[in-house]
Amino acid sequence: MAEAVISKAKNDTEILAQIKEIVKSKSVELIHLQFVDIEGILKSITVTVDQFDDVVAGKQMFDGSSVKGFSPINKSDLYLIPDYSTFAVLPWTVEEGYSEARFLCSAANPDGTLFEGDTRNVLKKTVERAADKGYSISVGPELEFFLFKADENGNPTMELGDNGGYFEPSPKDLGERVRLEIYRALKAMGFTIEASHHEVAEGQHEINFKYADALGAADMSTTYKWVVKTIAQKFGLHATFMPKPVFGINGSGMHVNMSFFKDGENAFYDQADELQLSQEAYQFIAGLIENVKSFTAITNPLVNSYKRLVPGYEAPCYIAWSASNRSALIRIPAKKGMATRVELRCPDPSANPYLTFAVIASAGLNGIEQGLQAPASINEDIFHMTEERREELGIDNLPGSLEAAVSELENGEIGLKTLGEHVFGEYVVAKKAEWDSYRTAVHTWELTNYQAKF
């Protein structure tokens, strides 16, 4: 019997033949065509298997004007182009004689050109830009999440799913069983899982999957968030990738490990260097430092994101780099050789992974193209430095709010250059509206502190 996911094949014809065999052997009846909106929220159109030939030919049309950040109503017709490599049977749907499958898709215009408002296409353009310089991009993201108990209607409560701590096993880690089922589902969908564990905060978890090319890693991040939420719901829990759901404990990050390869070799590795980093690696780091304030609104996209980026909870908020120092924004993990990579620690898992990986790679490419020089590494604990010491070392801060981050995005160059006019414009408008909604709302904190007193 055929496997539920495709194996490596030489061309689309071979891949399509594999998919047809899986559809037949697994009795697939429904196919979900998935894509993301401008914020990275997963959308889906479901068709019957009878439409398979039209689906794989890219003939499935949808109304782009109904999707956030996509088309105006007078240019609403768009088409979904399935990426054959993302085909997978959904393990929780499999029954005797029945199953469902999915494709992740890119959006295209009626004339067949890629739709510029699709953030998956934004990342494709950045990948092409790197390829023009001879580089391929490798990305390994690490997405943390919280599990909360759900009420009788399936809505999330504020009661955490467990009170375990970092690396704590059962019986305190009540999420262990949930993570096991998530692992099984992801494995069945073609993921290679490297580790699974309880994180630092109560109710917080992480499951790490193997790195991939930039587009593949973004596809896996999107799939991962969907699978985590789907499986958690089956246990009466709500999984959230909100960066800071609980005050006073650690928030959730999405550390992004990135490296460039050229001619099959890791372009960031140089055995002769003291830190075993190449000139390109230092230039990449310099590009991140030069541009990070301008792209923080992409990597940390919510009002809530900036409740995480504060001192005291392991989240980096100071712009510096180090070979080992986890208080620095940019870190170089210990493994070298083919595993040499640059880790950016500020992104959070609410971010659209397609845009996040695009702006990080684009900023690093800028550093390489312009021959930027990285500042000296910081090996002291930045969290416990005095403000005077940070000023002495020239350590700047990330934006402190979504409002400040959006202003930096507008005034910088990396956002427009990477996202293109359509996505850039729609994104800025959406985030300004989000900030204005937050700014004008009356919050519980205000009522608690002011209502009785004044």
Protein backbone atom coordinates (compact mmCIF):
# COMPACT_ATOMS: atom_id res chain seq x y z
CA MET A 1 0.00 0.00 0.00
CA ALA A 2 1.24 3.50 -0.80
CA GLU A 3 2.42 5.81 1.96
CA ALA A 4 0.25 8.78 2.98
CA VAL A 5 2.87 11.34 1.92
CA ILE A 6 4.94 11.56 -1.24
CA SER A 7 8.59 10.56 -1.43
CA LYS A 8 11.27 12.40 -3.36
CA ALA A 9 10.74 12.33 -7.09
CA LYS A 10 12.60 13.76 -10.04
CA ASN A 11 9.83 15.89 -11.54
CA ASP A 12 6.20 16.96 -11.21
CA THR A 13 5.02 14.11 -13.42
CA GLU A 14 6.50 11.52 -11.04
CA ILE A 15 5.15 13.37 -7.99
CA LEU A 16 1.67 13.59 -9.49
CA ALA A 17 1.72 9.85 -10.23
CA GLN A 18 2.58 9.19 -6.58
CA ILE A 19 -0.22 11.47 -5.40
CA LYS A 20 -2.77 9.70 -7.61
CA GLU A 21 -1.70 6.35 -6.19
CA ILE A 22 -2.06 7.65 -2.61
CA VAL A 23 -5.48 9.15 -3.38
CA LYS A 24 -6.60 5.76 -4.67
CA SER A 25 -5.03 3.55 -1.99
CA LYS A 26 -6.13 5.78 0.93
CA SER A 27 -9.65 6.27 -0.45
CA VAL A 28 -9.34 10.05 -0.39
CA GLU A 29 -12.74 11.67 -0.87
CA LEU A 30 -12.16 15.32 0.11
CA ILE A 31 -9.22 17.58 -0.71
CA HIS A 32 -8.53 20.75 1.25
CA LEU A 33 -6.81 23.52 -0.72
CA GLN A 34 -5.01 25.65 1.85
CA PHE A 35 -3.42 29.09 1.65
CA VAL A 36 -2.74 31.96 4.05
CA ASP A 37 -3.92 35.54 4.28
CA ILE A 38 -1.65 38.52 4.88
CA GLU A 39 -1.33 37.70 8.61
CA GLY A 40 -0.48 34.06 7.93
CA ILE A 41 -3.90 32.78 9.04
CA LEU A 42 -4.68 29.51 7.28
CA LYS A 43 -7.62 29.47 4.85
CA SER A 44 -9.10 26.45 3.11
CA ILE A 45 -11.40 25.50 0.24
CA THR A 46 -12.65 21.91 0.25
CA VAL A 47 -13.46 20.03 -2.96
CA THR A 48 -14.37 16.45 -3.74
CA VAL A 49 -11.87 14.05 -5.25
CA ASP A 50 -13.90 14.21 -8.49
CA GLN A 51 -12.36 17.66 -8.99
CA PHE A 52 -8.81 16.31 -8.66
CA ASP A 53 -7.72 16.88 -12.26
CA ASP A 54 -8.92 20.49 -12.23
CA VAL A 55 -7.29 21.07 -8.83
CA VAL A 56 -3.83 19.89 -9.87
CA ALA A 57 -4.16 21.90 -13.09
CA GLY A 58 -4.67 25.08 -11.05
CA LYS A 59 -8.25 25.64 -12.18
CA GLN A 60 -9.80 26.18 -8.75
CA MET A 61 -10.99 29.79 -8.58
CA PHE A 62 -11.79 31.78 -5.42
CA ASP A 63 -12.87 35.29 -4.41
CA GLY A 64 -9.74 37.18 -3.37
CA SER A 65 -11.72 40.20 -2.18
CA SER A 66 -12.98 38.16 0.79
CA VAL A 67 -9.45 37.41 2.05
CA LYS A 68 -7.64 39.90 4.29
CA GLY A 69 -4.94 41.77 2.38
CA PHE A 70 -5.75 40.22 -0.99
CA SER A 71 -7.74 41.74 -3.89
CA PRO A 72 -10.16 44.66 -4.30
CA ILE A 73 -13.67 43.64 -5.28
CA ASN A 74 -13.17 44.76 -8.90
CA LYS A 75 -10.20 42.36 -9.27
CA SER A 76 -11.41 39.54 -7.08
CA ASP A 77 -10.95 36.44 -9.28
CA LEU A 78 -7.88 34.44 -8.28
CA TYR A 79 -6.77 30.84 -8.75
CA LEU A 80 -5.14 28.35 -6.38
CA ILE A 81 -1.99 26.63 -7.65
CA PRO A 82 -1.27 23.57 -5.50
CA ASP A 83 2.30 22.79 -4.55
CA TYR A 84 2.55 19.05 -5.19
CA SER A 85 5.29 18.64 -2.57
CA THR A 86 2.85 19.68 0.19
CA PHE A 87 0.30 16.92 -0.48
CA ALA A 88 -0.53 14.83 2.58
CA VAL A 89 -3.35 12.67 3.86
CA LEU A 90 -4.75 14.05 7.14
CA PRO A 91 -4.16 11.27 9.68
CA TRP A 92 -7.06 12.24 11.97
CA THR A 93 -9.55 11.75 9.09
CA VAL A 94 -8.51 8.22 8.14
CA GLU A 95 -11.24 5.61 8.49
CA GLU A 96 -11.94 2.33 6.73
CA GLY A 97 -12.58 3.28 3.11
CA TYR A 98 -12.35 7.04 3.71
CA SER A 99 -9.81 9.82 4.23
CA GLU A 100 -9.13 13.48 3.45
CA ALA A 101 -6.00 15.16 2.08
CA ARG A 102 -4.62 18.64 1.58
CA PHE A 103 -2.41 20.78 -0.66
CA LEU A 104 -0.82 24.08 0.30
CA CYS A 105 -1.34 26.50 -2.55
CA SER A 106 -0.09 29.74 -4.04
CA ALA A 107 -2.49 32.30 -5.51
CA ALA A 108 -2.32 33.25 -9.18
CA ASN A 109 -3.98 35.87 -11.36
CA PRO A 110 -6.35 34.85 -14.18
CA ASP A 111 -3.48 35.29 -16.68
CA GLY A 112 -1.41 32.71 -14.79
CA THR A 113 1.08 35.12 -13.19
CA LEU A 114 1.72 34.85 -9.46
CA PHE A 115 -0.54 37.10 -7.40
CA GLU A 116 1.65 39.70 -5.65
CA GLY A 117 -0.65 39.85 -2.61
CA ASP A 118 0.01 36.22 -1.68
CA THR A 119 2.70 36.14 1.03
CA ARG A 120 3.84 32.69 -0.12
CA ASN A 121 4.76 34.34 -3.40
CA VAL A 122 6.64 37.08 -1.50
CA LEU A 123 8.92 34.42 -0.01
CA LYS A 124 9.36 32.80 -3.44
CA LYS A 125 10.71 36.10 -4.78
CA THR A 126 13.22 36.36 -1.92
CA VAL A 127 14.34 32.78 -2.58
CA GLU A 128 14.84 33.72 -6.25
CA ARG A 129 16.80 36.82 -5.24
CA ALA A 130 19.15 34.67 -3.15
CA ALA A 131 19.44 32.15 -5.99
CA ASP A 132 20.51 34.93 -8.35
CA LYS A 133 23.49 35.42 -5.99
CA GLY A 134 24.19 31.69 -5.98
CA TYR A 135 22.64 30.97 -2.56
CA SER A 136 19.98 28.59 -1.34
CA ILE A 137 18.34 29.38 2.01
CA SER A 138 18.02 26.86 4.84
CA VAL A 139 15.66 27.62 7.75
CA GLY A 140 15.01 25.87 11.04
CA PRO A 141 12.22 27.54 13.06
CA GLU A 142 11.37 26.71 16.68
CA LEU A 143 7.74 27.47 17.55
CA GLU A 144 6.57 27.46 21.18
CA PHE A 145 2.91 27.29 22.20
CA PHE A 146 0.66 27.22 25.27
CA LEU A 147 -2.09 24.74 26.09
CA PHE A 148 -5.15 26.09 27.92
CA LYS A 149 -8.20 24.16 29.04
CA ALA A 150 -11.30 24.76 26.94
CA ASP A 151 -14.83 25.19 28.27
CA GLU A 152 -17.85 23.05 27.37
CA ASN A 153 -18.29 25.06 24.16
CA GLY A 154 -14.66 24.57 23.11
CA ASN A 155 -13.70 28.16 23.86
CA PRO A 156 -10.37 28.80 25.60
CA THR A 157 -10.30 29.51 29.33
CA MET A 158 -7.39 31.08 31.22
CA GLU A 159 -6.72 27.81 33.06
CA LEU A 160 -3.39 26.35 31.93
CA GLY A 161 -3.25 22.75 30.81
CA ASP A 162 -0.54 21.81 33.34
CA ASN A 163 1.84 23.26 35.93
CA GLY A 164 5.01 21.59 34.66
CA GLY A 165 8.36 23.32 34.19
CA TYR A 166 11.28 23.18 31.77
CA PHE A 167 11.95 19.63 30.52
CA GLU A 168 9.67 18.28 33.26
CA PRO A 169 8.19 14.83 32.54
CA SER A 170 4.86 13.33 33.57
CA PRO A 171 2.99 13.27 35.91
CA LYS A 172 3.41 17.07 36.10
CA ASP A 173 3.65 17.46 32.34
CA LEU A 174 0.03 16.75 31.43
CA GLY A 175 0.76 17.90 27.88
CA GLU A 176 3.03 14.94 27.22
CA ARG A 177 0.21 12.84 25.81
CA VAL A 178 -0.95 15.73 23.62
CA ARG A 179 2.55 16.25 22.25
CA LEU A 180 2.78 12.52 21.48
CA GLU A 181 -0.36 12.68 19.35
CA ILE A 182 0.88 15.85 17.64
CA TYR A 183 4.16 14.09 16.92
CA ARG A 184 2.35 11.11 15.40
CA ALA A 185 0.19 13.34 13.20
CA LEU A 186 3.14 15.42 11.99
CA LYS A 187 5.22 12.31 11.29
CA ALA A 188 2.36 10.83 9.25
CA MET A 189 2.31 14.06 7.23
CA GLY A 190 6.01 13.81 6.36
CA PHE A 191 7.71 15.78 9.15
CA THR A 192 10.98 14.67 10.70
CA ILE A 193 10.60 15.46 14.42
CA GLU A 194 13.85 16.11 16.29
CA ALA A 195 12.67 16.86 19.85
CA SER A 196 9.58 17.39 21.98
CA HIS A 197 9.52 18.84 25.49
CA HIS A 198 7.81 21.00 28.07
CA GLU A 199 9.03 24.58 27.95
CA VAL A 200 9.96 26.97 30.81
CA ALA A 201 6.50 28.34 31.60
CA GLU A 202 3.55 26.42 32.97
CA GLY A 203 1.45 25.05 30.14
CA GLN A 204 4.11 25.88 27.54
CA HIS A 205 5.44 23.37 25.01
CA GLU A 206 7.71 22.97 22.01
CA ILE A 207 8.09 20.35 19.28
CA ASN A 208 11.07 20.82 16.98
CA PHE A 209 11.09 19.63 13.37
CA LYS A 210 14.02 19.33 10.98
CA TYR A 211 15.15 22.36 9.00
CA ALA A 212 14.27 22.72 5.33
CA ASP A 213 14.56 25.14 2.43
CA ALA A 214 12.93 28.51 3.19
CA LEU A 215 9.62 27.83 1.42
CA GLY A 216 9.40 24.31 2.82
CA ALA A 217 10.11 25.57 6.34
CA ALA A 218 7.37 28.20 6.05
CA ASP A 219 4.95 25.56 4.74
CA MET A 220 5.84 23.28 7.66
CA SER A 221 5.45 26.12 10.19
CA THR A 222 1.97 26.85 8.84
CA THR A 223 1.06 23.15 8.90
CA TYR A 224 2.54 22.70 12.38
CA LYS A 225 0.38 25.45 13.89
CA TRP A 226 -2.74 23.97 12.30
CA VAL A 227 -1.97 20.42 13.45
CA VAL A 228 -1.12 21.53 17.01
CA LYS A 229 -4.45 23.36 17.33
CA THR A 230 -6.40 20.49 15.75
CA ILE A 231 -4.95 17.78 18.00
CA ALA A 232 -5.18 19.92 21.16
CA GLN A 233 -8.90 20.41 20.51
CA LYS A 234 -9.40 16.64 20.54
CA PHE A 235 -8.09 16.62 24.14
CA GLY A 236 -10.42 19.39 25.27
CA LEU A 237 -7.60 21.93 25.13
CA HIS A 238 -6.93 25.13 23.23
CA ALA A 239 -3.46 25.63 21.76
CA THR A 240 -2.38 29.23 21.26
CA PHE A 241 0.62 30.75 19.52
CA MET A 242 -0.15 34.13 21.09
CA PRO A 243 3.26 35.46 22.21
CA LYS A 244 2.39 36.51 25.79
CA PRO A 245 -0.89 35.00 26.99
CA VAL A 246 -0.04 35.13 30.72
CA PHE A 247 1.55 38.00 32.63
CA GLY A 248 4.50 37.14 34.87
CA ILE A 249 5.76 34.05 33.02
CA ASN A 250 7.74 33.50 29.83
CA GLY A 251 6.10 34.16 26.49
CA SER A 252 6.35 32.07 23.33
CA GLY A 253 9.01 32.68 20.71
CA MET A 254 9.77 31.46 17.21
CA HIS A 255 13.56 31.42 17.06
CA VAL A 256 14.62 31.35 13.42
CA ASN A 257 17.84 29.55 12.49
CA MET A 258 19.04 30.47 9.01
CA SER A 259 22.01 29.62 6.84
CA PHE A 260 22.95 30.15 3.20
CA PHE A 261 24.39 27.39 1.06
CA LYS A 262 26.43 27.74 -2.12
CA ASP A 263 27.46 24.84 -4.37
CA GLY A 264 26.32 22.38 -1.72
CA GLU A 265 28.52 23.89 1.01
CA ASN A 266 27.50 26.01 3.99
CA ALA A 267 28.46 29.57 3.01
CA PHE A 268 28.47 30.66 6.68
CA TYR A 269 31.26 28.24 7.70
CA ASP A 270 34.98 29.02 7.71
CA GLN A 271 37.14 26.65 9.72
CA ALA A 272 40.03 29.13 9.82
CA ASP A 273 38.03 31.82 11.61
CA GLU A 274 38.13 32.09 15.41
CA LEU A 275 34.38 31.48 15.61
CA GLN A 276 34.41 29.34 12.44
CA LEU A 277 32.26 31.94 10.69
CA SER A 278 32.80 33.09 7.11
CA GLN A 279 32.92 36.69 5.94
CA GLU A 280 29.43 36.17 4.49
CA ALA A 281 28.15 35.09 7.91
CA TYR A 282 29.48 38.27 9.53
CA GLN A 283 27.97 40.35 6.73
CA PHE A 284 24.65 38.52 7.16
CA ILE A 285 24.71 39.33 10.90
CA ALA A 286 25.48 42.96 10.08
CA GLY A 287 22.52 43.06 7.70
CA LEU A 288 20.21 41.81 10.45
CA ILE A 289 21.49 44.37 12.94
CA GLU A 290 21.20 47.16 10.37
CA ASN A 291 17.60 46.30 9.44
CA VAL A 292 15.99 44.53 12.42
CA LYS A 293 14.15 47.58 13.75
CA SER A 294 12.68 48.04 10.28
CA PHE A 295 11.28 44.52 10.10
CA THR A 296 10.22 43.91 13.72
CA ALA A 297 6.61 44.72 12.79
CA ILE A 298 6.77 41.61 10.55
CA THR A 299 8.50 39.22 12.95
CA ASN A 300 6.53 40.49 15.96
CA PRO A 301 3.21 41.52 14.45
CA LEU A 302 0.77 41.90 17.35
CA VAL A 303 0.12 44.44 20.07
CA ASN A 304 0.71 41.50 22.41
CA SER A 305 4.13 40.75 20.84
CA TYR A 306 5.65 43.68 22.72
CA LYS A 307 4.47 42.33 26.09
CA ARG A 308 6.93 39.49 25.44
CA LEU A 309 9.85 41.66 24.30
CA VAL A 310 10.68 42.99 27.77
CA PRO A 311 13.64 42.24 30.08
CA GLY A 312 13.35 39.41 32.59
CA TYR A 313 11.66 36.63 30.61
CA GLU A 314 14.47 35.37 28.31
CA ALA A 315 13.08 37.21 25.27
CA PRO A 316 15.76 39.36 23.58
CA CYS A 317 14.94 43.05 23.33
CA TYR A 318 18.47 44.43 22.86
CA ILE A 319 20.15 44.57 19.44
CA ALA A 320 23.43 42.68 19.74
CA TRP A 321 24.98 39.39 18.68
CA SER A 322 27.05 36.72 20.38
CA ALA A 323 28.52 33.31 19.74
CA SER A 324 26.79 31.84 22.80
CA ASN A 325 25.08 34.56 24.86
CA ARG A 326 21.32 33.86 24.99
CA SER A 327 20.57 37.40 26.15
CA ALA A 328 21.65 38.66 22.71
CA LEU A 329 19.20 39.13 19.86
CA ILE A 330 21.38 37.12 17.47
CA ARG A 331 23.17 33.95 18.55
CA ILE A 332 25.50 31.51 16.82
CA PRO A 333 24.65 27.95 17.98
CA ALA A 334 27.58 25.72 18.92
CA LYS A 335 27.29 23.22 16.05
CA LYS A 336 29.53 24.16 13.13
CA GLY A 337 30.44 22.84 9.69
CA MET A 338 27.35 22.10 7.63
CA ALA A 339 25.25 23.00 10.71
CA THR A 340 26.64 26.56 11.02
CA ARG A 341 23.73 28.97 11.25
CA VAL A 342 22.62 32.35 12.55
CA GLU A 343 19.78 32.33 15.07
CA LEU A 344 17.48 35.35 15.33
CA ARG A 345 15.66 35.14 18.65
CA CYS A 346 13.08 37.94 18.57
CA PRO A 347 10.39 36.53 16.20
CA ASP A 348 7.27 35.08 17.78
CA PRO A 349 4.97 32.33 16.48
CA SER A 350 2.06 34.66 15.72
CA ALA A 351 4.09 35.96 12.78
CA ASN A 352 3.37 35.02 9.18
CA PRO A 353 6.28 32.60 8.51
CA TYR A 354 6.41 33.43 4.79
CA LEU A 355 6.94 37.13 5.45
CA THR A 356 9.19 36.49 8.47
CA PHE A 357 11.64 34.25 6.62
CA ALA A 358 11.55 36.62 3.65
CA VAL A 359 12.52 39.75 5.60
CA ILE A 360 15.22 37.95 7.60
CA ALA A 361 16.81 36.50 4.46
CA SER A 362 16.45 39.81 2.62
CA ALA A 363 18.13 41.77 5.44
CA GLY A 364 20.98 39.27 5.54
CA LEU A 365 21.38 39.48 1.77
CA ASN A 366 21.55 43.26 2.05
CA GLY A 367 24.44 42.86 4.47
CA ILE A 368 26.28 40.57 2.06
CA GLU A 369 25.59 42.72 -1.01
CA GLN A 370 26.69 45.91 0.74
CA GLY A 371 29.67 44.31 2.48
CA LEU A 372 28.48 45.48 5.90
CA GLN A 373 30.72 44.86 8.91
CA ALA A 374 29.25 43.31 12.04
CA PRO A 375 29.93 45.14 15.32
CA ALA A 376 31.87 43.40 18.08
CA SER A 377 30.06 40.49 19.70
CA ILE A 378 28.64 40.98 23.20
CA ASN A 379 29.43 38.20 25.64
CA GLU A 380 28.20 39.87 28.83
CA ASP A 381 24.69 39.31 30.21
CA ILE A 382 22.85 42.18 28.55
CA PHE A 383 19.74 41.72 30.69
CA HIS A 384 21.65 42.69 33.83
CA MET A 385 23.69 45.54 32.36
CA THR A 386 23.07 49.08 33.46
CA GLU A 387 21.62 51.46 30.91
CA GLU A 388 24.92 53.33 30.96
CA ARG A 389 26.85 50.15 30.12
CA ARG A 390 24.53 49.37 27.20
CA GLU A 391 25.00 52.91 25.89
CA GLU A 392 28.77 52.54 26.25
CA LEU A 393 28.67 49.38 24.13
CA GLY A 394 26.29 50.93 21.58
CA ILE A 395 23.50 48.44 22.22
CA ASP A 396 20.19 49.69 20.84
CA ASN A 397 16.66 48.46 21.68
CA LEU A 398 14.00 46.86 19.54
CA PRO A 399 10.82 48.93 19.12
CA GLY A 400 8.80 48.92 22.34
CA SER A 401 5.30 48.79 20.83
CA LEU A 402 3.50 47.84 17.65
CA GLU A 403 3.00 51.53 16.93
CA ALA A 404 6.77 52.18 17.09
CA ALA A 405 7.51 49.04 15.04
CA VAL A 406 5.09 50.03 12.26
CA SER A 407 6.67 53.49 12.15
CA GLU A 408 10.10 51.87 11.73
CA LEU A 409 8.70 49.61 9.00
CA GLU A 410 7.31 52.59 7.10
CA ASN A 411 10.50 54.63 7.41
CA GLY A 412 12.87 51.77 6.59
CA GLU A 413 13.69 50.26 3.20
CA ILE A 414 13.69 46.53 3.85
CA GLY A 415 9.91 46.15 4.18
CA LEU A 416 8.90 47.67 0.87
CA LYS A 417 11.87 46.09 -0.92
CA THR A 418 10.96 42.60 0.31
CA LEU A 419 7.17 42.65 0.52
CA GLY A 420 6.41 44.65 -2.62
CA GLU A 421 3.95 47.54 -2.84
CA HIS A 422 0.76 45.50 -2.48
CA VAL A 423 1.61 43.48 0.63
CA PHE A 424 3.55 46.35 2.21
CA GLY A 425 0.64 48.76 1.82
CA GLU A 426 -2.00 46.31 3.01
CA TYR A 427 0.12 45.21 5.96
CA VAL A 428 0.80 48.74 7.20
CA VAL A 429 -2.89 49.65 6.96
CA ALA A 430 -3.91 46.51 8.88
CA LYS A 431 -1.36 47.02 11.66
CA LYS A 432 -2.20 50.70 12.09
CA ALA A 433 -5.85 49.74 12.46
CA GLU A 434 -4.92 47.08 15.02
CA TRP A 435 -2.92 49.57 17.07
CA ASP A 436 -5.68 52.19 16.88
CA SER A 437 -8.24 49.64 18.07
CA TYR A 438 -6.02 48.77 21.03
CA ARG A 439 -5.19 52.42 21.76
CA THR A 440 -8.82 53.50 21.96
CA ALA A 441 -10.15 50.48 23.89
CA VAL A 442 -10.70 50.64 27.67
CA HIS A 443 -8.77 47.77 29.27
CA THR A 444 -9.26 45.87 32.53
CA TRP A 445 -6.04 47.31 33.93
CA GLU A 446 -7.45 50.84 33.57
CA LEU A 447 -10.70 49.93 35.29
CA THR A 448 -8.86 48.17 38.12
CA ASN A 449 -6.50 51.10 38.75
CA TYR A 450 -8.69 54.10 37.99
CA GLN A 451 -12.40 53.41 38.34
CA ALA A 452 -12.62 53.39 42.15
CA LYS A 453 -9.74 55.81 42.73
CA PHE A 454 -10.99 58.63 40.56
